[in-house]
Amino acid sequence: MVIKQFEDKPLAHYSYAIISDGKMAVIDPARNPMPYYIYAEERKARIVAVFETHPHADFVSSHLQIHEETNATIYVSKLVGANYPHQAFDDGDSMTLGTINLEAIHTPGHSPDSISIIATDENRQRAMFSGDTLFIGDVGRPDLREKAGNMKAKRKELAKMMYNTVKTKFNHLPDDTLVYPAHGAGSLCGKNMSSDASSTLGNERRHNWAFKDQTEDEFVKNILSDQPFIPSYFGYNVDLNKTGAAHHEKSVAEVPLQLAVGTPHQNHLIVDVRDQEAYKNNHFPNSINIMARNENDKLETWLGTIIRPDEKFYLIVSSVEDKNTVVNRIAKIGYETHILGVFTMADETFETSKPVDTEVFKNHQEQYTILDIRNTSEVDEKTIFKSAINIPLNELRDAEKEIPRDKPIVVHCAGGYRSAAGSSIVEQMLDDVEVYDLGDAVKNF
């Protein structure tokens, strides 16, 4: 069988195309379907099927658009309660793609409606597309479906389902079964994922903690401990994927553009994606600096964490050339419809942010309130400043009353990316105190 893995680095998302006899299926596709269309054209294949392993929380899928543009059948568990045309695909169901048999296994744990898809070719080679159930080195977190989706479930209940899935659902599959997950290291859908993009079931049985000999209570305690925070947009994406997203290119194209804006919009949020130096030299009031310099900057995650799904915002870019790239990235989490307009700034000065004097700060730390916006697990692992107050970035906009105002405030994270956003948030919340961003200088402490 021919399998192609597609990677979206900022979201650590993997999607797949599988081809046999000129027919192609797409599994857990990203928001933009064009890479799959290009690949199908290159391989002279016709897209006939789209598989959704579950309604994803961390990105918006293009399953509905692919169906509308190729007439491919969408296969998804009946438990999803999907509001788009689809074929139910559950335990024991199968379909044929050329010489490949594709079969569903109900694998709840990450979500109650998760399936894994087992592909078997004429040589009995097997591949498992495990969605967010089985990762390389980990399993999917069970705490995302308490408030979202057709089927809601408490985290402890889902953790027990995952234990049963790991113990019972894959036993009939041989060790050489290839494992292709929907996410890799860096995704917030798990906590201990390997940087490897694929594995074998035998390797996971030997090395993945979830397969170790342990009681259900031990498993539940392990999987529920130290999970990452849940971004604001996750529930919104589950519901959007249950319905099916709007046409990608059309939705992105409808975002308006305005050049050389000189009047900031005081009554709306402003998200400024320029680098921190440009932002600090000149920015609009009420703006938050969430940088999008390259794909190593996790714009999608932090935008969807800081900005809630019920909020609209204006977007500031450095150049009109950046508009499509940035809006396309934002569309991956379905927030392109939240953008009121994309602006470039007029050639005039609005507000500036003063740089911190690192030598003065280093020698007189007691003269500052130090605000550590790293995650709690990061702080527990390593203390940088003993006197720091810890308010994680994902909680910062709701923590105004927790921040003292009697001293200048120095905001820091682990490397400088998050502190650019954090300091801009604190700066707009507290207009009666100096706010500084320690930036990448934190590495010197």
Protein backbone atom coordinates (compact mmCIF):
# COMPACT_ATOMS: atom_id res chain seq x y z
CA MET A 1 0.00 0.00 0.00
CA VAL A 2 1.11 3.59 -0.61
CA ILE A 3 0.85 5.85 2.45
CA LYS A 4 1.72 9.54 2.47
CA GLN A 5 2.06 11.43 5.74
CA PHE A 6 1.41 15.19 5.81
CA GLU A 7 2.73 17.28 8.70
CA ASP A 8 1.50 20.59 10.08
CA LYS A 9 4.41 21.60 12.32
CA PRO A 10 2.82 24.43 14.34
CA LEU A 11 0.01 22.12 15.48
CA ALA A 12 2.13 18.93 15.43
CA HIS A 13 -0.66 17.41 13.35
CA TYR A 14 -0.30 14.43 11.02
CA SER A 15 -2.80 13.60 8.30
CA TYR A 16 -2.60 10.85 5.70
CA ALA A 17 -3.36 9.78 2.17
CA ILE A 18 -3.52 6.12 1.28
CA ILE A 19 -3.64 4.98 -2.37
CA SER A 20 -4.45 1.70 -4.07
CA ASP A 21 -5.41 1.03 -7.71
CA GLY A 22 -5.87 4.70 -8.51
CA LYS A 23 -8.17 5.34 -5.55
CA MET A 24 -7.21 7.53 -2.62
CA ALA A 25 -8.51 7.98 0.91
CA VAL A 26 -7.63 10.90 3.19
CA ILE A 27 -7.47 10.44 6.96
CA ASP A 28 -7.93 13.29 9.47
CA PRO A 29 -7.32 16.05 6.90
CA ALA A 30 -6.16 19.56 7.84
CA ARG A 31 -8.22 22.67 7.08
CA ASN A 32 -6.65 23.33 3.68
CA PRO A 33 -7.44 20.40 1.35
CA MET A 34 -5.15 21.58 -1.46
CA PRO A 35 -2.11 19.44 -0.49
CA TYR A 36 -4.26 16.31 -0.80
CA TYR A 37 -5.63 17.43 -4.16
CA ILE A 38 -2.12 18.10 -5.46
CA TYR A 39 -0.90 14.70 -4.24
CA ALA A 40 -3.88 12.92 -5.83
CA GLU A 41 -3.19 14.69 -9.10
CA GLU A 42 0.51 13.77 -8.98
CA ARG A 43 -0.34 10.12 -8.34
CA LYS A 44 -3.20 10.11 -10.88
CA ALA A 45 -5.56 8.99 -8.14
CA ARG A 46 -9.18 9.83 -7.41
CA ILE A 47 -10.16 10.78 -3.85
CA VAL A 48 -13.07 8.50 -2.93
CA ALA A 49 -13.06 8.50 0.87
CA VAL A 50 -12.36 10.74 3.87
CA PHE A 51 -11.99 9.21 7.34
CA GLU A 52 -12.44 11.15 10.56
CA THR A 53 -11.16 9.30 13.61
CA HIS A 54 -13.09 11.70 15.90
CA PRO A 55 -14.19 15.34 16.00
CA HIS A 56 -10.86 17.07 16.53
CA ALA A 57 -10.36 19.71 19.22
CA ASP A 58 -7.11 21.34 18.15
CA PHE A 59 -7.69 21.96 14.43
CA VAL A 60 -10.48 22.30 11.90
CA SER A 61 -10.83 19.50 9.37
CA SER A 62 -11.61 19.89 5.67
CA HIS A 63 -13.65 16.68 5.46
CA LEU A 64 -16.84 18.44 4.35
CA GLN A 65 -15.11 20.53 1.69
CA ILE A 66 -13.34 17.46 0.29
CA HIS A 67 -16.71 15.68 0.10
CA GLU A 68 -18.28 18.63 -1.71
CA GLU A 69 -15.43 19.03 -4.21
CA THR A 70 -14.63 15.37 -4.94
CA ASN A 71 -17.85 13.54 -4.03
CA ALA A 72 -15.79 11.41 -1.64
CA THR A 73 -17.71 9.59 1.09
CA ILE A 74 -16.99 10.71 4.65
CA TYR A 75 -16.61 7.83 7.10
CA VAL A 76 -17.05 8.62 10.80
CA SER A 77 -18.46 6.91 13.89
CA LYS A 78 -22.22 7.17 14.34
CA LEU A 79 -21.47 8.27 17.92
CA VAL A 80 -20.22 11.64 16.65
CA GLY A 81 -23.74 12.64 15.63
CA ALA A 82 -22.25 14.32 12.57
CA ASN A 83 -24.33 17.03 10.91
CA TYR A 84 -22.79 16.51 7.47
CA PRO A 85 -23.35 13.78 4.84
CA HIS A 86 -21.50 10.69 6.00
CA GLN A 87 -21.37 6.91 6.22
CA ALA A 88 -21.34 5.44 9.72
CA PHE A 89 -18.07 3.59 10.34
CA ASP A 90 -17.89 1.65 13.58
CA ASP A 91 -16.75 -1.66 15.08
CA GLY A 92 -16.72 -4.32 12.38
CA ASP A 93 -17.52 -1.94 9.52
CA SER A 94 -15.14 -2.01 6.57
CA MET A 95 -14.68 -0.66 3.07
CA THR A 96 -12.43 -1.60 0.18
CA LEU A 97 -9.97 0.80 -1.41
CA GLY A 98 -8.51 -0.94 -4.43
CA THR A 99 -6.77 -3.97 -2.94
CA ILE A 100 -6.77 -2.56 0.61
CA ASN A 101 -9.34 -3.36 3.27
CA LEU A 102 -10.05 -0.56 5.75
CA GLU A 103 -11.75 -1.58 8.99
CA ALA A 104 -12.95 0.43 12.01
CA ILE A 105 -12.22 -0.31 15.66
CA HIS A 106 -14.08 1.67 18.33
CA THR A 107 -11.25 2.99 20.53
CA PRO A 108 -12.71 5.36 23.15
CA GLY A 109 -10.51 7.12 25.68
CA HIS A 110 -9.42 10.41 24.16
CA SER A 111 -13.05 10.88 23.20
CA PRO A 112 -16.06 8.56 23.53
CA ASP A 113 -16.54 8.54 19.75
CA SER A 114 -12.98 7.76 18.65
CA ILE A 115 -12.23 5.09 16.08
CA SER A 116 -8.95 3.70 14.83
CA ILE A 117 -8.70 2.55 11.23
CA ILE A 118 -6.87 -0.64 10.30
CA ALA A 119 -5.64 -0.90 6.70
CA THR A 120 -4.65 -4.35 5.41
CA ASP A 121 -3.22 -4.94 1.95
CA GLU A 122 -3.07 -8.08 -0.18
CA ASN A 123 0.28 -9.05 1.43
CA ARG A 124 -1.28 -8.88 4.92
CA GLN A 125 0.76 -5.79 5.77
CA ARG A 126 -1.20 -3.74 8.29
CA ALA A 127 -1.24 -0.08 9.18
CA MET A 128 -3.22 1.49 12.01
CA PHE A 129 -4.35 5.11 11.77
CA SER A 130 -4.90 5.69 15.46
CA GLY A 131 -6.10 9.30 15.51
CA ASP A 132 -5.69 10.69 19.03
CA THR A 133 -6.04 7.30 20.72
CA LEU A 134 -2.54 5.88 20.42
CA PHE A 135 0.42 8.22 20.01
CA ILE A 136 4.09 7.31 19.77
CA GLY A 137 5.07 6.94 23.41
CA ASP A 138 1.73 8.05 24.81
CA VAL A 139 -2.07 7.92 24.50
CA GLY A 140 -4.52 10.76 24.00
CA ARG A 141 -5.56 12.89 26.95
CA PRO A 142 -9.06 12.11 28.31
CA ASP A 143 -10.06 15.55 29.62
CA LEU A 144 -11.29 17.38 26.51
CA ARG A 145 -14.86 16.14 26.19
CA GLU A 146 -16.50 17.24 29.43
CA LYS A 147 -18.16 20.29 27.84
CA ALA A 148 -18.02 19.75 24.07
CA GLY A 149 -19.26 17.37 21.40
CA ASN A 150 -22.32 15.22 20.82
CA MET A 151 -21.17 12.81 23.53
CA LYS A 152 -19.84 14.44 26.67
CA ALA A 153 -17.89 12.39 29.19
CA LYS A 154 -16.03 13.04 32.44
CA ARG A 155 -12.25 12.71 32.33
CA LYS A 156 -12.10 9.83 34.81
CA GLU A 157 -14.74 7.93 32.84
CA LEU A 158 -12.77 8.44 29.61
CA ALA A 159 -9.50 7.49 31.33
CA LYS A 160 -11.06 4.15 32.26
CA MET A 161 -12.23 3.73 28.66
CA MET A 162 -8.67 4.35 27.47
CA TYR A 163 -7.38 1.70 29.86
CA ASN A 164 -9.81 -0.81 28.38
CA THR A 165 -8.92 0.27 24.84
CA VAL A 166 -5.20 -0.27 25.40
CA LYS A 167 -5.76 -3.58 27.16
CA THR A 168 -8.29 -5.14 24.77
CA LYS A 169 -8.72 -3.40 21.43
CA PHE A 170 -5.41 -4.12 19.68
CA ASN A 171 -4.67 -7.64 20.86
CA HIS A 172 -5.57 -9.24 17.52
CA LEU A 173 -3.03 -7.10 15.66
CA PRO A 174 0.54 -8.34 15.10
CA ASP A 175 3.63 -6.51 16.33
CA ASP A 176 4.60 -5.40 12.82
CA THR A 177 1.43 -3.33 12.44
CA LEU A 178 2.50 0.18 11.50
CA VAL A 179 1.16 2.92 13.79
CA TYR A 180 0.32 6.31 12.30
CA PRO A 181 -1.03 8.81 14.87
CA ALA A 182 -2.76 12.15 14.26
CA HIS A 183 -0.24 14.06 16.40
CA GLY A 184 3.38 14.14 17.43
CA ALA A 185 5.54 15.90 20.03
CA GLY A 186 4.38 19.44 20.70
CA SER A 187 0.67 18.73 20.47
CA LEU A 188 -1.54 19.57 23.45
CA CYS A 189 -3.58 16.40 22.84
CA GLY A 190 -1.11 14.40 24.96
CA LYS A 191 1.82 14.95 27.29
CA ASN A 192 4.68 12.48 26.60
CA MET A 193 4.67 12.08 22.84
CA SER A 194 7.79 11.02 21.00
CA SER A 195 9.27 13.10 18.20
CA ASP A 196 9.01 10.00 15.99
CA ALA A 197 6.34 10.33 13.30
CA SER A 198 5.39 6.65 13.25
CA SER A 199 6.11 3.36 14.98
CA THR A 200 5.04 -0.26 15.11
CA LEU A 201 2.56 -1.76 17.52
CA GLY A 202 5.27 -4.06 18.83
CA ASN A 203 7.49 -1.10 19.66
CA GLU A 204 4.63 0.62 21.48
CA ARG A 205 3.85 -2.55 23.42
CA ARG A 206 7.46 -2.58 24.62
CA HIS A 207 8.08 1.12 25.27
CA ASN A 208 4.81 3.06 25.58
CA TRP A 209 3.93 3.57 29.27
CA ALA A 210 0.26 2.87 28.58
CA PHE A 211 1.00 -0.78 27.69
CA LYS A 212 2.94 -1.47 30.88
CA ASP A 213 1.50 -3.93 33.39
CA GLN A 214 -0.57 -1.73 35.74
CA THR A 215 -3.94 -1.63 37.42
CA GLU A 216 -6.79 0.51 36.15
CA ASP A 217 -6.35 2.87 39.12
CA GLU A 218 -2.63 3.25 38.40
CA PHE A 219 -3.35 3.93 34.73
CA VAL A 220 -6.06 6.50 35.52
CA LYS A 221 -3.85 8.31 38.02
CA ASN A 222 -0.99 8.46 35.52
CA ILE A 223 -3.00 9.65 32.54
CA LEU A 224 -4.83 12.35 34.51
CA SER A 225 -1.73 13.81 36.14
CA ASP A 226 0.20 16.76 34.66
CA GLN A 227 -1.88 17.14 31.51
CA PRO A 228 -1.32 20.44 29.69
CA PHE A 229 -3.81 23.30 29.88
CA ILE A 230 -6.84 23.25 27.60
CA PRO A 231 -6.85 26.15 25.08
CA SER A 232 -10.02 28.22 24.81
CA TYR A 233 -10.72 27.13 21.25
CA PHE A 234 -10.75 23.35 21.77
CA GLY A 235 -14.47 22.99 22.50
CA TYR A 236 -15.28 25.36 19.66
CA ASN A 237 -13.34 23.19 17.21
CA VAL A 238 -15.03 19.98 18.38
CA ASP A 239 -18.43 21.50 17.65
CA LEU A 240 -17.29 23.02 14.35
CA ASN A 241 -15.89 19.70 13.16
CA LYS A 242 -19.14 17.98 14.09
CA THR A 243 -20.92 20.30 11.65
CA GLY A 244 -18.20 20.77 9.03
CA ALA A 245 -16.27 23.96 8.31
CA ALA A 246 -16.88 26.50 5.57
CA HIS A 247 -14.94 26.39 2.30
CA HIS A 248 -11.33 27.19 3.20
CA GLU A 249 -10.22 29.49 0.38
CA LYS A 250 -13.51 31.38 0.26
CA SER A 251 -13.56 31.94 4.01
CA VAL A 252 -9.97 33.21 4.02
CA ALA A 253 -10.58 35.47 1.01
CA GLU A 254 -13.54 37.15 2.71
CA VAL A 255 -11.35 38.63 5.48
CA PRO A 256 -11.09 42.37 4.66
CA LEU A 257 -7.78 44.22 4.30
CA GLN A 258 -7.08 47.88 5.07
CA LEU A 259 -3.74 49.60 4.46
CA ALA A 260 -1.93 52.23 6.51
CA VAL A 261 -4.50 52.48 9.29
CA GLY A 262 -4.04 55.50 11.53
CA THR A 263 -7.03 55.23 13.85
CA PRO A 264 -7.04 52.28 16.24
CA HIS A 265 -10.34 50.62 17.05
CA GLN A 266 -10.68 51.19 20.78
CA ASN A 267 -13.70 48.94 21.33
CA HIS A 268 -12.22 45.75 19.93
CA LEU A 269 -9.27 43.51 20.62
CA ILE A 270 -6.27 43.91 18.38
CA VAL A 271 -3.92 41.01 17.74
CA ASP A 272 -0.52 42.12 16.47
CA VAL A 273 1.49 39.28 14.91
CA ARG A 274 4.65 41.29 14.14
CA ASP A 275 7.93 40.47 15.87
CA GLN A 276 8.39 41.85 19.38
CA GLU A 277 10.90 44.52 18.37
CA ALA A 278 8.52 46.09 15.86
CA TYR A 279 5.66 45.79 18.32
CA LYS A 280 7.53 47.42 21.17
CA ASN A 281 8.71 50.27 18.96
CA ASN A 282 5.16 51.11 17.90
CA HIS A 283 1.77 49.51 18.41
CA PHE A 284 -1.92 50.31 18.77
CA PRO A 285 -3.48 50.54 22.25
CA ASN A 286 -5.41 47.46 23.42
CA SER A 287 -3.26 45.16 21.30
CA ILE A 288 -1.79 41.78 22.15
CA ASN A 289 1.48 40.69 20.58
CA ILE A 290 1.16 37.04 19.45
CA MET A 291 4.07 36.65 17.06
CA ALA A 292 3.91 34.79 13.74
CA ARG A 293 7.47 35.08 12.47
CA ASN A 294 7.72 31.50 11.19
CA GLU A 295 6.17 28.08 11.74
CA ASN A 296 8.17 27.61 14.95
CA ASP A 297 5.98 30.31 16.51
CA LYS A 298 2.83 28.59 17.74
CA LEU A 299 0.45 31.31 16.58
CA GLU A 300 -2.47 28.92 16.20
CA THR A 301 -2.22 27.52 19.72
CA TRP A 302 -1.65 30.79 21.52
CA LEU A 303 -4.18 32.78 19.54
CA GLY A 304 -6.79 30.13 20.31
CA THR A 305 -5.71 30.10 23.95
CA ILE A 306 -5.66 33.85 24.62
CA ILE A 307 -8.61 34.86 22.42
CA ARG A 308 -11.90 33.20 23.30
CA PRO A 309 -14.23 31.77 20.61
CA ASP A 310 -16.84 34.45 21.35
CA GLU A 311 -14.43 37.34 20.71
CA LYS A 312 -13.77 39.28 17.50
CA PHE A 313 -10.49 41.03 16.79
CA TYR A 314 -8.51 43.11 14.33
CA LEU A 315 -5.24 41.70 13.01
CA ILE A 316 -2.05 43.74 12.55
CA VAL A 317 0.57 42.46 10.09
CA SER A 318 3.92 43.91 9.02
CA SER A 319 3.13 43.88 5.31
CA VAL A 320 0.28 43.08 2.95
CA GLU A 321 2.45 40.16 1.81
CA ASP A 322 1.87 38.54 5.22
CA LYS A 323 -1.92 38.70 5.08
CA ASN A 324 -2.67 35.39 3.34
CA THR A 325 -0.03 33.42 5.24
CA VAL A 326 -1.23 34.60 8.64
CA VAL A 327 -4.95 34.32 7.90
CA ASN A 328 -4.42 30.81 6.52
CA ARG A 329 -2.74 29.84 9.77
CA ILE A 330 -5.58 31.31 11.80
CA ALA A 331 -8.09 29.45 9.64
CA LYS A 332 -6.60 26.16 10.86
CA ILE A 333 -8.41 26.74 14.16
CA GLY A 334 -11.50 28.25 12.55
CA TYR A 335 -10.81 31.79 13.78
CA GLU A 336 -10.68 33.45 10.36
CA THR A 337 -14.37 34.27 10.84
CA HIS A 338 -13.42 36.15 14.04
CA ILE A 339 -11.15 38.60 12.18
CA LEU A 340 -12.87 41.96 11.70
CA GLY A 341 -10.11 43.14 9.40
CA VAL A 342 -6.41 42.86 8.62
CA PHE A 343 -4.49 46.14 9.02
CA THR A 344 -1.08 47.50 8.23
CA MET A 345 -0.16 50.51 10.37
CA ALA A 346 0.19 54.10 9.22
CA ASP A 347 3.63 55.70 9.38
CA GLU A 348 3.09 57.43 12.70
CA THR A 349 3.76 56.64 16.34
CA PHE A 350 1.00 55.29 18.57
CA GLU A 351 2.34 53.56 21.69
CA THR A 352 5.76 52.18 22.62
CA SER A 353 7.00 49.73 25.25
CA LYS A 354 10.16 50.49 27.18
CA PRO A 355 12.90 47.84 27.28
CA VAL A 356 14.00 46.55 30.65
CA ASP A 357 17.50 47.46 31.86
CA THR A 358 18.71 43.92 32.45
CA GLU A 359 21.72 45.00 34.55
CA VAL A 360 19.57 47.05 36.90
CA PHE A 361 17.05 44.21 37.09
CA LYS A 362 19.76 41.64 37.71
CA ASN A 363 21.24 43.59 40.62
CA HIS A 364 17.98 44.88 42.13
CA GLN A 365 15.36 42.21 41.58
CA GLU A 366 13.64 43.17 44.82
CA GLN A 367 12.58 46.45 43.20
CA TYR A 368 10.34 44.61 40.72
CA THR A 369 7.32 42.36 40.73
CA ILE A 370 8.46 39.36 38.72
CA LEU A 371 5.65 37.64 36.82
CA ASP A 372 6.39 34.12 35.63
CA ILE A 373 3.86 33.13 32.93
CA ARG A 374 5.14 29.61 32.32
CA ASN A 375 2.89 26.62 32.88
CA THR A 376 2.68 25.32 36.44
CA SER A 377 4.48 22.10 35.46
CA GLU A 378 7.40 24.14 34.09
CA VAL A 379 7.64 26.11 37.33
CA ASP A 380 7.55 22.93 39.39
CA GLU A 381 10.37 21.52 37.29
CA LYS A 382 12.62 24.59 37.46
CA THR A 383 12.50 27.81 39.49
CA ILE A 384 14.10 30.79 37.75
CA PHE A 385 13.29 33.58 40.23
CA LYS A 386 12.37 32.60 43.80
CA SER A 387 10.28 35.73 44.35
CA ALA A 388 8.26 35.38 41.14
CA ILE A 389 4.48 35.20 41.02
CA ASN A 390 3.29 32.43 38.70
CA ILE A 391 0.26 33.12 36.52
CA PRO A 392 0.31 30.93 33.38
CA LEU A 393 -0.22 32.79 30.11
CA ASN A 394 -3.47 30.95 29.43
CA GLU A 395 -4.91 32.40 32.67
CA LEU A 396 -3.41 35.88 32.45
CA ARG A 397 -6.31 37.86 30.96
CA ASP A 398 -8.52 36.79 33.88
CA ALA A 399 -5.94 37.50 36.60
CA GLU A 400 -5.79 41.29 36.77
CA LYS A 401 -6.62 41.38 40.50
CA GLU A 402 -3.80 38.95 41.29
CA ILE A 403 -1.05 41.22 39.93
CA PRO A 404 0.44 43.73 42.43
CA ARG A 405 0.75 47.34 41.25
CA ASP A 406 3.22 48.69 43.81
CA LYS A 407 6.37 48.00 41.73
CA PRO A 408 7.36 47.88 38.05
CA ILE A 409 6.49 44.47 36.59
CA VAL A 410 8.91 42.22 34.72
CA VAL A 411 7.23 39.44 32.72
CA HIS A 412 9.13 36.30 31.73
CA CYS A 413 8.59 32.84 30.29
CA ALA A 414 11.17 30.22 29.29
CA GLY A 415 12.52 31.71 26.07
CA GLY A 416 10.82 34.99 25.16
CA TYR A 417 7.95 34.08 22.83
CA ARG A 418 5.21 33.88 25.45
CA SER A 419 6.51 36.85 27.43
CA ALA A 420 5.98 39.07 24.38
CA ALA A 421 2.29 38.18 24.53
CA GLY A 422 2.13 38.21 28.31
CA SER A 423 3.75 41.61 28.78
CA SER A 424 1.44 43.12 26.15
CA ILE A 425 -1.59 41.73 28.02
CA VAL A 426 -0.42 43.08 31.37
CA GLU A 427 0.49 46.41 29.78
CA GLN A 428 -3.04 46.94 28.50
CA MET A 429 -4.64 45.77 31.76
CA LEU A 430 -2.53 47.94 34.07
CA ASP A 431 -2.02 51.49 32.81
CA ASP A 432 -0.71 52.81 36.15
CA VAL A 433 2.49 50.75 36.40
CA GLU A 434 5.53 50.14 34.19
CA VAL A 435 5.53 46.73 32.51
CA TYR A 436 8.67 45.18 31.03
CA ASP A 437 9.28 42.08 28.93
CA LEU A 438 12.42 40.18 29.92
CA GLY A 439 12.30 38.41 26.56
CA ASP A 440 15.07 36.02 25.64
CA ALA A 441 17.31 37.60 28.31
CA VAL A 442 15.67 35.13 30.70
CA LYS A 443 18.18 32.59 29.39
CA ASN A 444 20.90 34.50 31.26
CA PHE A 445 19.31 33.83 34.63
